[in-house]
Amino acid sequence: MTGHKRHPQTTGGRTTRATANRKRGKVDEKTDSISGSEHEQPLKDGAYKVTLESIERRDTSRGEGRLREWRFRTDEHGTEVVGWTPRRYPSRRSKAYLWATALNPAVGTRRCFGPSDVVGRTCVLVVQSFKRLDGGGKYKILKVKPSAE
């Protein structure tokens, strides 16, 4: 088995690759699911008015800064919802571009945008909730829509 790295498995109490990456501050770029804190009120499936608190670069197992972490907070419940997009958004159909234009329609007239264009703005998130394997709550952002305001 020269030249091959064995990936940690989930059996026998060993650390999984995803767990090891989370401990190093890395995330799995294949997921768009997000989780809330155990101290926050759990959300049910539905639409929620939220405010974008931050956008930060996050490392993945494939390299540094490959993802953007979008941290939203529900206005009514105070629950944090975190979504992920690829760092690059070359298309007007990309998730990052669609989310940014829902937060700030003026982004639609420009080729690029920065965190200052969208952080602190409100929108409506459509989320789906489900249980994680460890019993905690988990959410998936289905859609980001402009706020009615």
Protein backbone atom coordinates (compact mmCIF):
# COMPACT_ATOMS: atom_id res chain seq x y z
CA MET A 1 0.00 0.00 0.00
CA THR A 2 2.73 2.44 -0.79
CA GLY A 3 1.60 5.84 -1.98
CA HIS A 4 -1.87 5.46 -0.43
CA LYS A 5 -2.94 7.14 2.75
CA ARG A 6 -5.48 5.21 4.74
CA HIS A 7 -8.40 7.39 5.79
CA PRO A 8 -9.61 7.01 9.37
CA GLN A 9 -12.78 4.97 9.72
CA THR A 10 -15.77 5.37 12.03
CA THR A 11 -15.34 2.02 13.80
CA GLY A 12 -13.51 0.99 16.90
CA GLY A 13 -13.60 4.41 18.55
CA ARG A 14 -11.17 5.83 16.01
CA THR A 15 -11.47 9.39 14.83
CA THR A 16 -13.24 9.87 11.52
CA ARG A 17 -11.76 12.11 8.84
CA ALA A 18 -14.66 14.57 9.21
CA THR A 19 -14.19 14.75 12.99
CA ALA A 20 -10.45 15.30 12.61
CA ASN A 21 -11.08 18.07 10.09
CA ARG A 22 -13.63 19.78 12.36
CA LYS A 23 -11.09 19.74 15.20
CA ARG A 24 -8.62 21.49 12.90
CA GLY A 25 -11.23 24.09 11.93
CA LYS A 26 -11.87 22.48 8.55
CA VAL A 27 -15.21 21.47 7.08
CA ASP A 28 -16.44 18.97 4.55
CA GLU A 29 -17.08 20.87 1.33
CA LYS A 30 -19.72 18.36 0.21
CA THR A 31 -22.29 19.39 2.83
CA ASP A 32 -24.57 22.38 2.94
CA SER A 33 -26.07 21.35 6.23
CA ILE A 34 -25.62 23.41 9.33
CA SER A 35 -26.24 22.96 13.00
CA GLY A 36 -27.49 25.13 15.82
CA SER A 37 -26.23 25.28 19.37
CA GLU A 38 -27.90 23.17 22.03
CA HIS A 39 -28.72 26.41 23.93
CA GLU A 40 -30.69 27.89 21.05
CA GLN A 41 -34.36 27.31 20.33
CA PRO A 42 -34.62 24.61 17.64
CA LEU A 43 -36.19 25.62 14.36
CA LYS A 44 -38.91 23.73 12.54
CA ASP A 45 -39.05 23.43 8.76
CA GLY A 46 -40.08 26.76 7.31
CA ALA A 47 -39.11 30.31 6.42
CA TYR A 48 -37.39 32.62 8.92
CA LYS A 49 -36.34 36.25 8.78
CA VAL A 50 -32.60 36.39 9.48
CA THR A 51 -29.71 38.82 9.61
CA LEU A 52 -26.33 37.91 8.12
CA GLU A 53 -23.76 38.29 10.92
CA SER A 54 -20.57 37.37 9.05
CA ILE A 55 -18.92 35.72 6.07
CA GLU A 56 -15.57 34.04 6.72
CA ARG A 57 -13.15 31.86 4.80
CA ARG A 58 -12.87 28.30 6.02
CA ASP A 59 -10.34 25.60 5.27
CA THR A 60 -11.25 22.20 3.90
CA SER A 61 -9.37 18.97 3.53
CA ARG A 62 -8.53 20.11 -0.02
CA GLY A 63 -6.90 23.40 0.88
CA GLU A 64 -7.03 26.69 2.72
CA GLY A 65 -9.89 29.13 2.34
CA ARG A 66 -11.84 27.03 -0.17
CA LEU A 67 -15.24 27.70 1.44
CA ARG A 68 -17.15 30.70 2.69
CA GLU A 69 -19.06 30.29 5.93
CA TRP A 70 -22.21 32.43 6.08
CA ARG A 71 -23.48 32.98 9.66
CA PHE A 72 -27.12 34.01 9.89
CA ARG A 73 -29.14 34.65 13.07
CA THR A 74 -32.92 34.39 13.20
CA ASP A 75 -34.50 37.64 14.32
CA GLU A 76 -37.35 36.00 16.23
CA HIS A 77 -35.69 32.95 17.85
CA GLY A 78 -32.05 34.05 18.05
CA THR A 79 -30.94 30.73 16.54
CA GLU A 80 -27.74 30.75 14.51
CA VAL A 81 -27.87 29.12 11.09
CA VAL A 82 -24.62 28.55 9.19
CA GLY A 83 -24.42 27.85 5.46
CA TRP A 84 -21.49 27.11 3.17
CA THR A 85 -20.64 28.24 -0.35
CA PRO A 86 -17.54 27.73 -2.47
CA ARG A 87 -15.04 30.58 -2.22
CA ARG A 88 -15.31 31.35 -5.90
CA TYR A 89 -18.62 32.30 -7.44
CA PRO A 90 -17.95 32.72 -11.16
CA SER A 91 -21.57 32.45 -12.24
CA ARG A 92 -24.67 34.50 -11.59
CA ARG A 93 -26.35 31.16 -10.87
CA SER A 94 -23.91 30.26 -8.07
CA LYS A 95 -25.24 29.87 -4.55
CA ALA A 96 -23.04 32.70 -3.20
CA TYR A 97 -24.24 35.14 -5.87
CA LEU A 98 -27.91 34.22 -5.35
CA TRP A 99 -27.56 34.60 -1.57
CA ALA A 100 -25.78 37.96 -1.92
CA THR A 101 -28.42 39.37 -4.28
CA ALA A 102 -31.18 38.25 -1.90
CA LEU A 103 -29.44 40.20 0.86
CA ASN A 104 -28.54 43.23 -1.28
CA PRO A 105 -30.20 43.62 -4.71
CA ALA A 106 -27.54 46.18 -5.72
CA VAL A 107 -25.02 43.30 -5.90
CA GLY A 108 -26.89 42.13 -9.02
CA THR A 109 -25.57 45.08 -11.02
CA ARG A 110 -21.91 44.33 -10.20
CA ARG A 111 -19.53 41.56 -11.14
CA CYS A 112 -18.32 40.92 -7.57
CA PHE A 113 -19.19 41.71 -3.97
CA GLY A 114 -17.54 41.71 -0.56
CA PRO A 115 -18.71 41.03 2.98
CA SER A 116 -19.34 44.75 3.54
CA ASP A 117 -22.03 44.60 0.82
CA VAL A 118 -24.11 41.98 2.63
CA VAL A 119 -23.16 41.66 6.34
CA GLY A 120 -25.80 43.20 8.61
CA ARG A 121 -28.55 42.88 6.00
CA THR A 122 -31.73 40.83 6.39
CA CYS A 123 -33.33 38.16 4.23
CA VAL A 124 -35.62 35.15 4.56
CA LEU A 125 -34.11 31.67 4.89
CA VAL A 126 -36.11 28.58 4.04
CA VAL A 127 -34.67 25.78 6.18
CA GLN A 128 -35.26 22.07 6.63
CA SER A 129 -34.40 20.46 9.96
CA PHE A 130 -33.36 16.91 10.72
CA LYS A 131 -31.58 14.93 13.43
CA ARG A 132 -27.85 14.30 13.42
CA LEU A 133 -26.46 10.89 14.28
CA ASP A 134 -25.46 12.19 17.72
CA GLY A 135 -29.07 13.30 18.37
CA GLY A 136 -28.50 17.03 17.91
CA GLY A 137 -30.41 19.25 15.51
CA LYS A 138 -29.21 20.05 12.03
CA TYR A 139 -30.52 22.42 9.37
CA LYS A 140 -30.18 22.71 5.63
CA ILE A 141 -30.67 26.01 3.83
CA LEU A 142 -33.08 25.29 0.99
CA LYS A 143 -33.47 28.84 -0.27
CA VAL A 144 -32.45 32.43 0.52
CA LYS A 145 -35.09 34.99 -0.44
CA PRO A 146 -35.12 38.80 -0.25
CA SER A 147 -36.65 40.28 2.87
CA ALA A 148 -40.08 41.90 2.49
CA GLU A 149 -38.69 45.17 3.86
